[in-house]
Amino acid sequence: CEIINPHGHAREMRKMRVVIVYESMYGNTHLVADAIGTGLKLSADVTVVPVSDANPELLRDVGLLVVGGPTHAHGMSRPATRKGAAEAAGKPDSGLTLDPDALGPGLRDWFGTLGHHEGMAAAFDTRFSGPPALTGRASKGIARELRHHGFSLAAEPESFVVTKDNHLGASEGARAGDWGERLAAGFTSGRH
């Protein structure tokens, strides 16, 4: 991308740097994170990482931090709910497969080490279909933690639906890509 300065000279414009940090047990949140990243890639330099790889150096000079995780017991996962999810996947005929990074640290652990940052962020989650009052929404807790650590929210927290047999809903990947595009459009239009 080029911009022309007032003297008529073209110079290259750097793309905004976006980091997407996700926690995923059965791969659904991972799929959503990748889809959001695809939506953002037209306007940004995007890095998608599991929470276990989200070190402080990665967040240096980030233009937008996007964080997401699965909804467990109405909010962000806890060690006990993560252990329960892993045990459920280990049962014969469960049909569940753990994401490669599922047994690493969760978002709660990561937020405990995050420190203070300034910048823009967005939160998302995966959850079962139904009213949020019944299913809960991890994204609300993620957004609260992001604000607590100094970030301003670029968008309202977003949820993506998982089916009862723990698969991402049919249109949710496309919807996640669209959400990523809307996040990028908000930055390129100067609304943030």
N, C-alpha and C. Protein backbone atom coordinates (compact mmCIF):
# COMPACT_ATOMS: atom_id res chain seq x y z
N CYS A 1 0.86 -1.16 0.00
CA CYS A 1 0.00 0.00 0.00
C CYS A 1 0.91 1.23 0.00
N GLU A 2 0.58 2.21 -0.81
CA GLU A 2 1.37 3.43 -0.87
C GLU A 2 0.51 4.62 -0.49
N ILE A 3 1.15 5.61 0.10
CA ILE A 3 0.49 6.89 0.32
C ILE A 3 1.37 7.97 -0.28
N ILE A 4 0.74 9.05 -0.68
CA ILE A 4 1.48 10.16 -1.28
C ILE A 4 1.57 11.27 -0.23
N ASN A 5 2.79 11.71 0.07
CA ASN A 5 2.95 12.78 1.05
C ASN A 5 2.69 14.13 0.38
N PRO A 6 2.62 15.21 1.14
CA PRO A 6 2.30 16.53 0.55
C PRO A 6 3.28 16.98 -0.53
N HIS A 7 4.46 16.41 -0.58
CA HIS A 7 5.47 16.80 -1.56
C HIS A 7 5.39 15.96 -2.83
N GLY A 8 4.38 15.08 -2.92
CA GLY A 8 4.19 14.28 -4.12
C GLY A 8 5.01 13.00 -4.16
N HIS A 9 5.69 12.66 -3.07
CA HIS A 9 6.50 11.45 -3.04
C HIS A 9 5.71 10.29 -2.44
N ALA A 10 5.81 9.15 -3.09
CA ALA A 10 5.13 7.96 -2.58
C ALA A 10 5.99 7.29 -1.52
N ARG A 11 5.35 6.79 -0.50
CA ARG A 11 6.07 5.97 0.48
C ARG A 11 5.14 4.83 0.89
N GLU A 12 5.76 3.74 1.32
CA GLU A 12 4.98 2.57 1.71
C GLU A 12 4.35 2.80 3.08
N MET A 13 3.08 2.41 3.20
CA MET A 13 2.37 2.52 4.47
C MET A 13 2.36 1.13 5.12
N ARG A 14 2.80 1.08 6.36
CA ARG A 14 2.81 -0.20 7.08
C ARG A 14 1.40 -0.61 7.45
N LYS A 15 1.14 -1.89 7.34
CA LYS A 15 -0.15 -2.42 7.77
C LYS A 15 -0.18 -2.46 9.29
N MET A 16 -1.37 -2.28 9.82
CA MET A 16 -1.55 -2.41 11.27
C MET A 16 -1.19 -3.84 11.68
N ARG A 17 -0.55 -3.98 12.83
CA ARG A 17 -0.19 -5.28 13.37
C ARG A 17 -1.30 -5.76 14.30
N VAL A 18 -1.82 -6.96 14.03
CA VAL A 18 -2.88 -7.56 14.84
C VAL A 18 -2.39 -8.88 15.39
N VAL A 19 -2.64 -9.11 16.67
CA VAL A 19 -2.35 -10.40 17.28
C VAL A 19 -3.67 -10.97 17.79
N ILE A 20 -3.94 -12.21 17.40
CA ILE A 20 -5.13 -12.92 17.87
C ILE A 20 -4.65 -14.04 18.79
N VAL A 21 -5.08 -13.97 20.04
CA VAL A 21 -4.72 -14.97 21.05
C VAL A 21 -5.97 -15.77 21.36
N TYR A 22 -5.84 -17.10 21.31
CA TYR A 22 -7.01 -17.94 21.57
C TYR A 22 -6.68 -19.07 22.53
N GLU A 23 -7.71 -19.50 23.23
CA GLU A 23 -7.69 -20.74 24.02
C GLU A 23 -8.73 -21.64 23.37
N SER A 24 -8.39 -22.90 23.13
CA SER A 24 -9.33 -23.80 22.47
C SER A 24 -9.17 -25.21 23.04
N MET A 25 -10.28 -25.83 23.36
CA MET A 25 -10.24 -27.20 23.86
C MET A 25 -10.45 -28.21 22.73
N TYR A 26 -11.53 -28.06 21.97
CA TYR A 26 -11.87 -29.02 20.92
C TYR A 26 -11.65 -28.49 19.51
N GLY A 27 -11.00 -27.34 19.39
CA GLY A 27 -10.65 -26.79 18.08
C GLY A 27 -11.60 -25.75 17.54
N ASN A 28 -12.77 -25.58 18.14
CA ASN A 28 -13.74 -24.63 17.61
C ASN A 28 -13.26 -23.18 17.75
N THR A 29 -12.74 -22.82 18.90
CA THR A 29 -12.27 -21.45 19.10
C THR A 29 -11.05 -21.20 18.22
N HIS A 30 -10.24 -22.21 18.02
CA HIS A 30 -9.09 -22.12 17.11
C HIS A 30 -9.57 -21.79 15.69
N LEU A 31 -10.61 -22.51 15.23
CA LEU A 31 -11.16 -22.25 13.89
C LEU A 31 -11.69 -20.82 13.78
N VAL A 32 -12.37 -20.36 14.82
CA VAL A 32 -12.90 -18.99 14.82
C VAL A 32 -11.74 -17.99 14.77
N ALA A 33 -10.70 -18.21 15.58
CA ALA A 33 -9.55 -17.31 15.58
C ALA A 33 -8.92 -17.22 14.19
N ASP A 34 -8.76 -18.37 13.53
CA ASP A 34 -8.20 -18.37 12.18
C ASP A 34 -9.10 -17.62 11.20
N ALA A 35 -10.42 -17.80 11.32
CA ALA A 35 -11.36 -17.12 10.42
C ALA A 35 -11.34 -15.61 10.65
N ILE A 36 -11.27 -15.18 11.90
CA ILE A 36 -11.16 -13.74 12.20
C ILE A 36 -9.88 -13.21 11.58
N GLY A 37 -8.79 -13.96 11.72
CA GLY A 37 -7.51 -13.55 11.14
C GLY A 37 -7.59 -13.41 9.63
N THR A 38 -8.30 -14.32 8.97
CA THR A 38 -8.47 -14.23 7.52
C THR A 38 -9.22 -12.96 7.15
N GLY A 39 -10.24 -12.62 7.93
CA GLY A 39 -10.99 -11.40 7.68
C GLY A 39 -10.15 -10.14 7.86
N LEU A 40 -9.22 -10.18 8.78
CA LEU A 40 -8.37 -9.02 9.07
C LEU A 40 -7.19 -8.90 8.11
N LYS A 41 -6.78 -9.98 7.46
CA LYS A 41 -5.53 -10.00 6.69
C LYS A 41 -5.50 -9.04 5.51
N LEU A 42 -6.65 -8.65 4.99
CA LEU A 42 -6.64 -7.72 3.87
C LEU A 42 -6.11 -6.35 4.29
N SER A 43 -6.31 -6.01 5.55
CA SER A 43 -5.93 -4.68 6.03
C SER A 43 -4.83 -4.69 7.08
N ALA A 44 -4.40 -5.87 7.51
CA ALA A 44 -3.48 -5.92 8.64
C ALA A 44 -2.48 -7.07 8.49
N ASP A 45 -1.41 -6.94 9.22
CA ASP A 45 -0.43 -8.01 9.37
C ASP A 45 -0.89 -8.81 10.59
N VAL A 46 -1.34 -10.04 10.40
CA VAL A 46 -2.03 -10.80 11.44
C VAL A 46 -1.20 -11.99 11.91
N THR A 47 -1.12 -12.14 13.24
CA THR A 47 -0.51 -13.31 13.86
C THR A 47 -1.57 -13.96 14.74
N VAL A 48 -1.82 -15.25 14.54
CA VAL A 48 -2.79 -16.01 15.33
C VAL A 48 -2.00 -17.02 16.16
N VAL A 49 -2.15 -16.96 17.50
CA VAL A 49 -1.38 -17.85 18.37
C VAL A 49 -2.25 -18.42 19.49
N PRO A 50 -1.94 -19.66 19.90
CA PRO A 50 -2.59 -20.17 21.12
C PRO A 50 -2.06 -19.40 22.32
N VAL A 51 -2.85 -19.36 23.36
CA VAL A 51 -2.48 -18.59 24.55
C VAL A 51 -1.12 -19.03 25.10
N SER A 52 -0.75 -20.28 24.93
CA SER A 52 0.54 -20.77 25.43
C SER A 52 1.72 -20.10 24.73
N ASP A 53 1.51 -19.54 23.52
CA ASP A 53 2.58 -18.88 22.78
C ASP A 53 2.50 -17.36 22.83
N ALA A 54 1.57 -16.81 23.59
CA ALA A 54 1.34 -15.36 23.64
C ALA A 54 2.26 -14.71 24.67
N ASN A 55 3.53 -14.55 24.29
CA ASN A 55 4.51 -13.96 25.21
C ASN A 55 4.48 -12.43 25.11
N PRO A 56 5.05 -11.74 26.09
CA PRO A 56 5.03 -10.27 26.10
C PRO A 56 5.64 -9.63 24.85
N GLU A 57 6.69 -10.23 24.31
CA GLU A 57 7.34 -9.68 23.12
C GLU A 57 6.37 -9.62 21.94
N LEU A 58 5.50 -10.61 21.83
CA LEU A 58 4.53 -10.67 20.74
C LEU A 58 3.58 -9.47 20.75
N LEU A 59 3.31 -8.93 21.94
CA LEU A 59 2.36 -7.83 22.06
C LEU A 59 2.98 -6.45 21.86
N ARG A 60 4.28 -6.40 21.69
CA ARG A 60 4.97 -5.12 21.50
C ARG A 60 4.51 -4.50 20.17
N ASP A 61 4.13 -3.24 20.19
CA ASP A 61 3.70 -2.49 19.00
C ASP A 61 2.49 -3.08 18.29
N VAL A 62 1.62 -3.74 19.03
CA VAL A 62 0.42 -4.32 18.42
C VAL A 62 -0.62 -3.21 18.25
N GLY A 63 -1.26 -3.17 17.08
CA GLY A 63 -2.30 -2.18 16.83
C GLY A 63 -3.65 -2.63 17.36
N LEU A 64 -3.88 -3.94 17.33
CA LEU A 64 -5.13 -4.51 17.81
C LEU A 64 -4.83 -5.89 18.37
N LEU A 65 -5.32 -6.13 19.58
CA LEU A 65 -5.22 -7.45 20.20
C LEU A 65 -6.63 -8.03 20.23
N VAL A 66 -6.80 -9.23 19.68
CA VAL A 66 -8.08 -9.92 19.69
C VAL A 66 -7.89 -11.18 20.52
N VAL A 67 -8.76 -11.38 21.52
CA VAL A 67 -8.61 -12.50 22.45
C VAL A 67 -9.92 -13.28 22.53
N GLY A 68 -9.82 -14.62 22.46
CA GLY A 68 -11.02 -15.43 22.53
C GLY A 68 -10.80 -16.76 23.19
N GLY A 69 -11.89 -17.31 23.72
CA GLY A 69 -11.83 -18.62 24.36
C GLY A 69 -13.21 -19.24 24.44
N PRO A 70 -13.26 -20.50 24.82
CA PRO A 70 -14.54 -21.18 24.95
C PRO A 70 -15.27 -20.76 26.23
N THR A 71 -16.57 -20.84 26.21
CA THR A 71 -17.37 -20.57 27.39
C THR A 71 -17.50 -21.85 28.19
N HIS A 72 -17.02 -21.82 29.43
CA HIS A 72 -17.12 -22.96 30.36
C HIS A 72 -17.84 -22.46 31.60
N ALA A 73 -18.86 -23.14 32.02
CA ALA A 73 -19.57 -22.80 33.26
C ALA A 73 -19.90 -21.30 33.32
N HIS A 74 -20.46 -20.79 32.23
CA HIS A 74 -20.94 -19.41 32.09
C HIS A 74 -19.86 -18.35 31.93
N GLY A 75 -18.58 -18.72 31.85
CA GLY A 75 -17.53 -17.73 31.71
C GLY A 75 -16.27 -18.33 31.12
N MET A 76 -15.15 -17.68 31.42
CA MET A 76 -13.86 -18.21 30.96
C MET A 76 -13.58 -19.54 31.65
N SER A 77 -12.81 -20.37 30.99
CA SER A 77 -12.47 -21.67 31.57
C SER A 77 -11.67 -21.49 32.86
N ARG A 78 -11.73 -22.52 33.67
CA ARG A 78 -10.93 -22.62 34.90
C ARG A 78 -10.16 -23.94 34.81
N PRO A 79 -9.15 -24.11 35.65
CA PRO A 79 -8.41 -25.38 35.60
C PRO A 79 -9.33 -26.60 35.71
N ALA A 80 -10.33 -26.55 36.57
CA ALA A 80 -11.22 -27.70 36.74
C ALA A 80 -12.07 -27.95 35.49
N THR A 81 -12.54 -26.89 34.83
CA THR A 81 -13.37 -27.10 33.64
C THR A 81 -12.51 -27.56 32.47
N ARG A 82 -11.27 -27.09 32.42
CA ARG A 82 -10.36 -27.54 31.36
C ARG A 82 -10.02 -29.02 31.55
N LYS A 83 -9.80 -29.41 32.80
CA LYS A 83 -9.53 -30.81 33.09
C LYS A 83 -10.74 -31.68 32.72
N GLY A 84 -11.94 -31.20 33.05
CA GLY A 84 -13.16 -31.93 32.70
C GLY A 84 -13.33 -32.09 31.20
N ALA A 85 -13.00 -31.03 30.44
CA ALA A 85 -13.11 -31.09 28.99
C ALA A 85 -12.11 -32.10 28.42
N ALA A 86 -10.91 -32.12 28.96
CA ALA A 86 -9.90 -33.09 28.50
C ALA A 86 -10.34 -34.51 28.83
N GLU A 87 -10.90 -34.72 30.01
CA GLU A 87 -11.38 -36.06 30.39
C GLU A 87 -12.52 -36.50 29.49
N ALA A 88 -13.42 -35.57 29.14
CA ALA A 88 -14.53 -35.90 28.25
C ALA A 88 -14.02 -36.35 26.89
N ALA A 89 -12.98 -35.70 26.38
CA ALA A 89 -12.41 -36.08 25.09
C ALA A 89 -11.74 -37.44 25.16
N GLY A 90 -11.26 -37.83 26.35
CA GLY A 90 -10.57 -39.11 26.50
C GLY A 90 -11.49 -40.30 26.63
N LYS A 91 -12.78 -40.08 26.78
CA LYS A 91 -13.72 -41.19 26.93
C LYS A 91 -13.92 -41.89 25.58
N PRO A 92 -14.05 -43.22 25.63
CA PRO A 92 -14.30 -43.95 24.37
C PRO A 92 -15.59 -43.45 23.71
N ASP A 93 -15.56 -43.37 22.40
CA ASP A 93 -16.71 -42.96 21.60
C ASP A 93 -17.20 -41.55 21.91
N SER A 94 -16.34 -40.68 22.46
CA SER A 94 -16.76 -39.31 22.75
C SER A 94 -16.93 -38.49 21.47
N GLY A 95 -16.17 -38.84 20.44
CA GLY A 95 -16.20 -38.07 19.21
C GLY A 95 -15.49 -36.74 19.33
N LEU A 96 -14.84 -36.50 20.45
CA LEU A 96 -14.16 -35.23 20.70
C LEU A 96 -12.66 -35.39 20.53
N THR A 97 -12.03 -34.41 19.94
CA THR A 97 -10.59 -34.40 19.77
C THR A 97 -10.05 -33.11 20.38
N LEU A 98 -9.06 -33.26 21.23
CA LEU A 98 -8.47 -32.06 21.85
C LEU A 98 -7.64 -31.29 20.82
N ASP A 99 -7.74 -29.97 20.90
CA ASP A 99 -6.90 -29.10 20.10
C ASP A 99 -5.45 -29.35 20.52
N PRO A 100 -4.47 -29.22 19.62
CA PRO A 100 -3.08 -29.50 19.98
C PRO A 100 -2.57 -28.74 21.21
N ASP A 101 -3.09 -27.53 21.45
CA ASP A 101 -2.61 -26.73 22.58
C ASP A 101 -3.60 -26.70 23.74
N ALA A 102 -4.55 -27.62 23.75
CA ALA A 102 -5.62 -27.61 24.76
C ALA A 102 -5.11 -27.77 26.18
N LEU A 103 -4.06 -28.50 26.37
CA LEU A 103 -3.60 -28.79 27.73
C LEU A 103 -2.64 -27.74 28.29
N GLY A 104 -2.39 -26.71 27.51
CA GLY A 104 -1.53 -25.62 27.98
C GLY A 104 -2.30 -24.71 28.91
N PRO A 105 -1.74 -23.53 29.20
CA PRO A 105 -2.42 -22.60 30.10
C PRO A 105 -3.68 -22.03 29.46
N GLY A 106 -4.60 -21.60 30.31
CA GLY A 106 -5.82 -20.96 29.85
C GLY A 106 -5.70 -19.46 29.88
N LEU A 107 -6.74 -18.79 29.41
CA LEU A 107 -6.73 -17.33 29.37
C LEU A 107 -6.64 -16.72 30.76
N ARG A 108 -7.29 -17.33 31.75
CA ARG A 108 -7.20 -16.78 33.12
C ARG A 108 -5.74 -16.73 33.58
N ASP A 109 -4.99 -17.81 33.31
CA ASP A 109 -3.57 -17.85 33.67
C ASP A 109 -2.81 -16.73 32.96
N TRP A 110 -3.08 -16.58 31.67
CA TRP A 110 -2.39 -15.60 30.85
C TRP A 110 -2.69 -14.18 31.32
N PHE A 111 -3.95 -13.89 31.59
CA PHE A 111 -4.30 -12.56 32.09
C PHE A 111 -3.59 -12.26 33.40
N GLY A 112 -3.35 -13.29 34.21
CA GLY A 112 -2.64 -13.09 35.47
C GLY A 112 -1.21 -12.63 35.30
N THR A 113 -0.65 -12.80 34.11
CA THR A 113 0.73 -12.40 33.84
C THR A 113 0.84 -11.26 32.83
N LEU A 114 -0.27 -10.73 32.36
CA LEU A 114 -0.27 -9.81 31.23
C LEU A 114 0.35 -8.45 31.51
N GLY A 115 0.12 -7.87 32.66
CA GLY A 115 0.64 -6.53 32.91
C GLY A 115 -0.23 -5.48 32.23
N HIS A 116 0.21 -4.22 32.32
CA HIS A 116 -0.57 -3.11 31.77
C HIS A 116 -0.14 -2.80 30.34
N HIS A 117 -1.12 -2.58 29.47
CA HIS A 117 -0.87 -2.22 28.08
C HIS A 117 -1.82 -1.10 27.70
N GLU A 118 -1.47 -0.38 26.67
CA GLU A 118 -2.39 0.59 26.10
C GLU A 118 -2.60 0.21 24.66
N GLY A 119 -3.79 0.37 24.19
CA GLY A 119 -4.10 0.03 22.81
C GLY A 119 -5.52 -0.46 22.68
N MET A 120 -5.82 -0.96 21.51
CA MET A 120 -7.16 -1.43 21.21
C MET A 120 -7.21 -2.95 21.28
N ALA A 121 -8.39 -3.46 21.66
CA ALA A 121 -8.57 -4.90 21.77
C ALA A 121 -10.01 -5.26 21.46
N ALA A 122 -10.23 -6.53 21.21
CA ALA A 122 -11.57 -7.08 21.00
C ALA A 122 -11.61 -8.47 21.61
N ALA A 123 -12.81 -8.87 22.04
CA ALA A 123 -13.00 -10.16 22.71
C ALA A 123 -14.05 -10.99 21.99
N PHE A 124 -13.82 -12.30 21.95
CA PHE A 124 -14.81 -13.21 21.37
C PHE A 124 -14.81 -14.51 22.17
N ASP A 125 -15.87 -15.28 21.97
CA ASP A 125 -15.94 -16.60 22.60
C ASP A 125 -16.67 -17.56 21.68
N THR A 126 -16.62 -18.83 22.06
CA THR A 126 -17.49 -19.84 21.48
C THR A 126 -18.38 -20.32 22.60
N ARG A 127 -19.64 -20.60 22.26
CA ARG A 127 -20.59 -21.05 23.27
C ARG A 127 -21.71 -21.82 22.59
N PHE A 128 -22.48 -22.55 23.40
CA PHE A 128 -23.63 -23.26 22.87
C PHE A 128 -24.72 -22.27 22.51
N SER A 129 -25.58 -22.64 21.60
CA SER A 129 -26.71 -21.80 21.20
C SER A 129 -27.68 -21.66 22.36
N GLY A 130 -28.25 -20.48 22.47
CA GLY A 130 -29.24 -20.22 23.52
C GLY A 130 -29.05 -18.83 24.06
N PRO A 131 -29.99 -18.39 24.88
CA PRO A 131 -29.85 -17.06 25.48
C PRO A 131 -28.60 -16.99 26.34
N PRO A 132 -27.85 -15.90 26.24
CA PRO A 132 -26.63 -15.75 27.04
C PRO A 132 -26.86 -15.93 28.54
N ALA A 133 -28.05 -15.60 29.02
CA ALA A 133 -28.34 -15.78 30.44
C ALA A 133 -28.27 -17.26 30.83
N LEU A 134 -28.54 -18.14 29.88
CA LEU A 134 -28.47 -19.58 30.15
C LEU A 134 -27.11 -20.18 29.81
N THR A 135 -26.49 -19.72 28.73
CA THR A 135 -25.22 -20.32 28.29
C THR A 135 -24.01 -19.64 28.90
N GLY A 136 -24.15 -18.37 29.26
CA GLY A 136 -22.99 -17.58 29.66
C GLY A 136 -22.24 -17.13 28.43
N ARG A 137 -21.27 -16.24 28.65
CA ARG A 137 -20.45 -15.71 27.56
C ARG A 137 -19.05 -15.41 28.09
N ALA A 138 -18.09 -16.22 27.72
CA ALA A 138 -16.71 -15.96 28.14
C ALA A 138 -16.21 -14.61 27.64
N SER A 139 -16.73 -14.16 26.50
CA SER A 139 -16.25 -12.90 25.91
C SER A 139 -16.48 -11.70 26.83
N LYS A 140 -17.50 -11.74 27.64
CA LYS A 140 -17.73 -10.62 28.56
C LYS A 140 -16.61 -10.55 29.61
N GLY A 141 -16.22 -11.70 30.15
CA GLY A 141 -15.10 -11.74 31.10
C GLY A 141 -13.78 -11.39 30.44
N ILE A 142 -13.60 -11.83 29.20
CA ILE A 142 -12.37 -11.51 28.46
C ILE A 142 -12.30 -9.99 28.24
N ALA A 143 -13.42 -9.40 27.84
CA ALA A 143 -13.45 -7.95 27.63
C ALA A 143 -13.15 -7.20 28.92
N ARG A 144 -13.72 -7.67 30.02
CA ARG A 144 -13.47 -7.03 31.32
C ARG A 144 -11.98 -7.10 31.67
N GLU A 145 -11.36 -8.25 31.44
CA GLU A 145 -9.92 -8.40 31.71
C GLU A 145 -9.09 -7.49 30.80
N LEU A 146 -9.47 -7.41 29.54
CA LEU A 146 -8.73 -6.54 28.62
C LEU A 146 -8.77 -5.09 29.09
N ARG A 147 -9.96 -4.63 29.49
CA ARG A 147 -10.07 -3.26 30.01
C ARG A 147 -9.26 -3.10 31.29
N HIS A 148 -9.30 -4.10 32.16
CA HIS A 148 -8.54 -4.06 33.41
C HIS A 148 -7.04 -3.89 33.15
N HIS A 149 -6.56 -4.44 32.04
CA HIS A 149 -5.14 -4.37 31.70
C HIS A 149 -4.80 -3.17 30.81
N GLY A 150 -5.75 -2.23 30.66
CA GLY A 150 -5.47 -0.98 30.00
C GLY A 150 -5.95 -0.84 28.57
N PHE A 151 -6.49 -1.88 27.98
CA PHE A 151 -6.95 -1.81 26.60
C PHE A 151 -8.30 -1.11 26.50
N SER A 152 -8.55 -0.48 25.37
CA SER A 152 -9.87 0.04 25.03
C SER A 152 -10.48 -0.94 24.03
N LEU A 153 -11.79 -1.15 24.13
CA LEU A 153 -12.44 -2.12 23.25
C LEU A 153 -12.78 -1.49 21.90
N ALA A 154 -12.40 -2.19 20.85
CA ALA A 154 -12.66 -1.75 19.49
C ALA A 154 -14.05 -2.17 19.02
N ALA A 155 -14.67 -3.11 19.72
CA ALA A 155 -16.00 -3.63 19.35
C ALA A 155 -16.62 -4.28 20.57
N GLU A 156 -17.92 -4.46 20.50
CA GLU A 156 -18.61 -5.21 21.55
C GLU A 156 -18.14 -6.66 21.51
N PRO A 157 -18.07 -7.34 22.66
CA PRO A 157 -17.70 -8.76 22.67
C PRO A 157 -18.63 -9.57 21.75
N GLU A 158 -18.07 -10.55 21.08
CA GLU A 158 -18.82 -11.35 20.10
C GLU A 158 -18.79 -12.82 20.47
N SER A 159 -19.90 -13.52 20.20
CA SER A 159 -20.00 -14.97 20.45
C SER A 159 -20.22 -15.70 19.13
N PHE A 160 -19.63 -16.90 19.04
CA PHE A 160 -19.81 -17.77 17.89
C PHE A 160 -20.33 -19.11 18.42
N VAL A 161 -21.33 -19.65 17.75
CA VAL A 161 -22.09 -20.78 18.26
C VAL A 161 -21.48 -22.13 17.90
N VAL A 162 -21.48 -23.00 18.90
CA VAL A 162 -21.02 -24.38 18.75
C VAL A 162 -22.25 -25.28 18.91
N THR A 163 -22.32 -26.34 18.12
CA THR A 163 -23.46 -27.25 18.17
C THR A 163 -23.40 -28.13 19.42
N LYS A 164 -24.48 -28.81 19.70
CA LYS A 164 -24.55 -29.67 20.89
C LYS A 164 -23.52 -30.79 20.85
N ASP A 165 -23.09 -31.20 19.64
CA ASP A 165 -22.06 -32.24 19.55
C ASP A 165 -20.66 -31.63 19.40
N ASN A 166 -20.52 -30.38 19.83
CA ASN A 166 -19.23 -29.68 19.89
C ASN A 166 -18.54 -29.50 18.55
N HIS A 167 -19.29 -29.02 17.58
CA HIS A 167 -18.73 -28.61 16.30
C HIS A 167 -19.16 -27.18 16.05
N LEU A 168 -18.31 -26.43 15.37
CA LEU A 168 -18.63 -25.05 15.04
C LEU A 168 -19.87 -25.02 14.16
N GLY A 169 -20.82 -24.13 14.47
CA GLY A 169 -22.03 -23.99 13.66
C GLY A 169 -21.69 -23.75 12.20
N ALA A 170 -22.59 -24.18 11.30
CA ALA A 170 -22.33 -24.19 9.86
C ALA A 170 -21.89 -22.83 9.30
N SER A 171 -22.48 -21.76 9.73
CA SER A 171 -22.14 -20.45 9.15
C SER A 171 -21.23 -19.62 10.05
N GLU A 172 -20.78 -20.19 11.16
CA GLU A 172 -20.02 -19.40 12.12
C GLU A 172 -18.62 -19.03 11.65
N GLY A 173 -17.99 -19.89 10.87
CA GLY A 173 -16.67 -19.55 10.34
C GLY A 173 -16.74 -18.34 9.43
N ALA A 174 -17.74 -18.32 8.55
CA ALA A 174 -17.92 -17.17 7.65
C ALA A 174 -18.28 -15.92 8.46
N ARG A 175 -19.10 -16.07 9.48
CA ARG A 175 -19.48 -14.93 10.31
C ARG A 175 -18.26 -14.37 11.04
N ALA A 176 -17.35 -15.27 11.48
CA ALA A 176 -16.12 -14.83 12.15
C ALA A 176 -15.23 -14.05 11.18
N GLY A 177 -15.14 -14.52 9.94
CA GLY A 177 -14.37 -13.78 8.93
C GLY A 177 -14.95 -12.40 8.69
N ASP A 178 -16.27 -12.33 8.63
CA ASP A 178 -16.95 -11.04 8.45
C ASP A 178 -16.67 -10.11 9.63
N TRP A 179 -16.68 -10.68 10.85
CA TRP A 179 -16.40 -9.87 12.04
C TRP A 179 -14.98 -9.31 11.97
N GLY A 180 -14.04 -10.15 11.52
CA GLY A 180 -12.66 -9.68 11.34
C GLY A 180 -12.58 -8.54 10.33
N GLU A 181 -13.33 -8.65 9.23
CA GLU A 181 -13.35 -7.58 8.23
C GLU A 181 -13.92 -6.30 8.82
N ARG A 182 -14.98 -6.42 9.63
CA ARG A 182 -15.57 -5.23 10.25
C ARG A 182 -14.60 -4.59 11.24
N LEU A 183 -13.85 -5.42 11.99
CA LEU A 183 -12.84 -4.86 12.89
C LEU A 183 -11.81 -4.06 12.10
N ALA A 184 -11.34 -4.64 10.99
CA ALA A 184 -10.35 -3.95 10.16
C ALA A 184 -10.93 -2.67 9.57
N ALA A 185 -12.17 -2.72 9.12
CA ALA A 185 -12.80 -1.55 8.52
C ALA A 185 -12.92 -0.42 9.54
N GLY A 186 -13.16 -0.77 10.80
CA GLY A 186 -13.25 0.25 11.84
C GLY A 186 -11.93 0.98 12.01
N PHE A 187 -10.83 0.30 11.82
CA PHE A 187 -9.53 0.94 11.95
C PHE A 187 -9.17 1.74 10.71
N THR A 188 -9.42 1.18 9.53
CA THR A 188 -9.03 1.89 8.32
C THR A 188 -9.90 3.12 8.07
N SER A 189 -11.11 3.13 8.64
CA SER A 189 -11.97 4.31 8.47
C SER A 189 -11.69 5.36 9.53
N GLY A 190 -10.84 5.00 10.52
CA GLY A 190 -10.49 5.93 11.58
C GLY A 190 -11.53 6.04 12.68
N ARG A 191 -12.45 5.07 12.78
CA ARG A 191 -13.47 5.13 13.82
C ARG A 191 -12.90 4.81 15.18
N HIS A 192 -11.67 4.28 15.29
CA HIS A 192 -11.12 3.90 16.59
C HIS A 192 -9.97 4.80 16.95
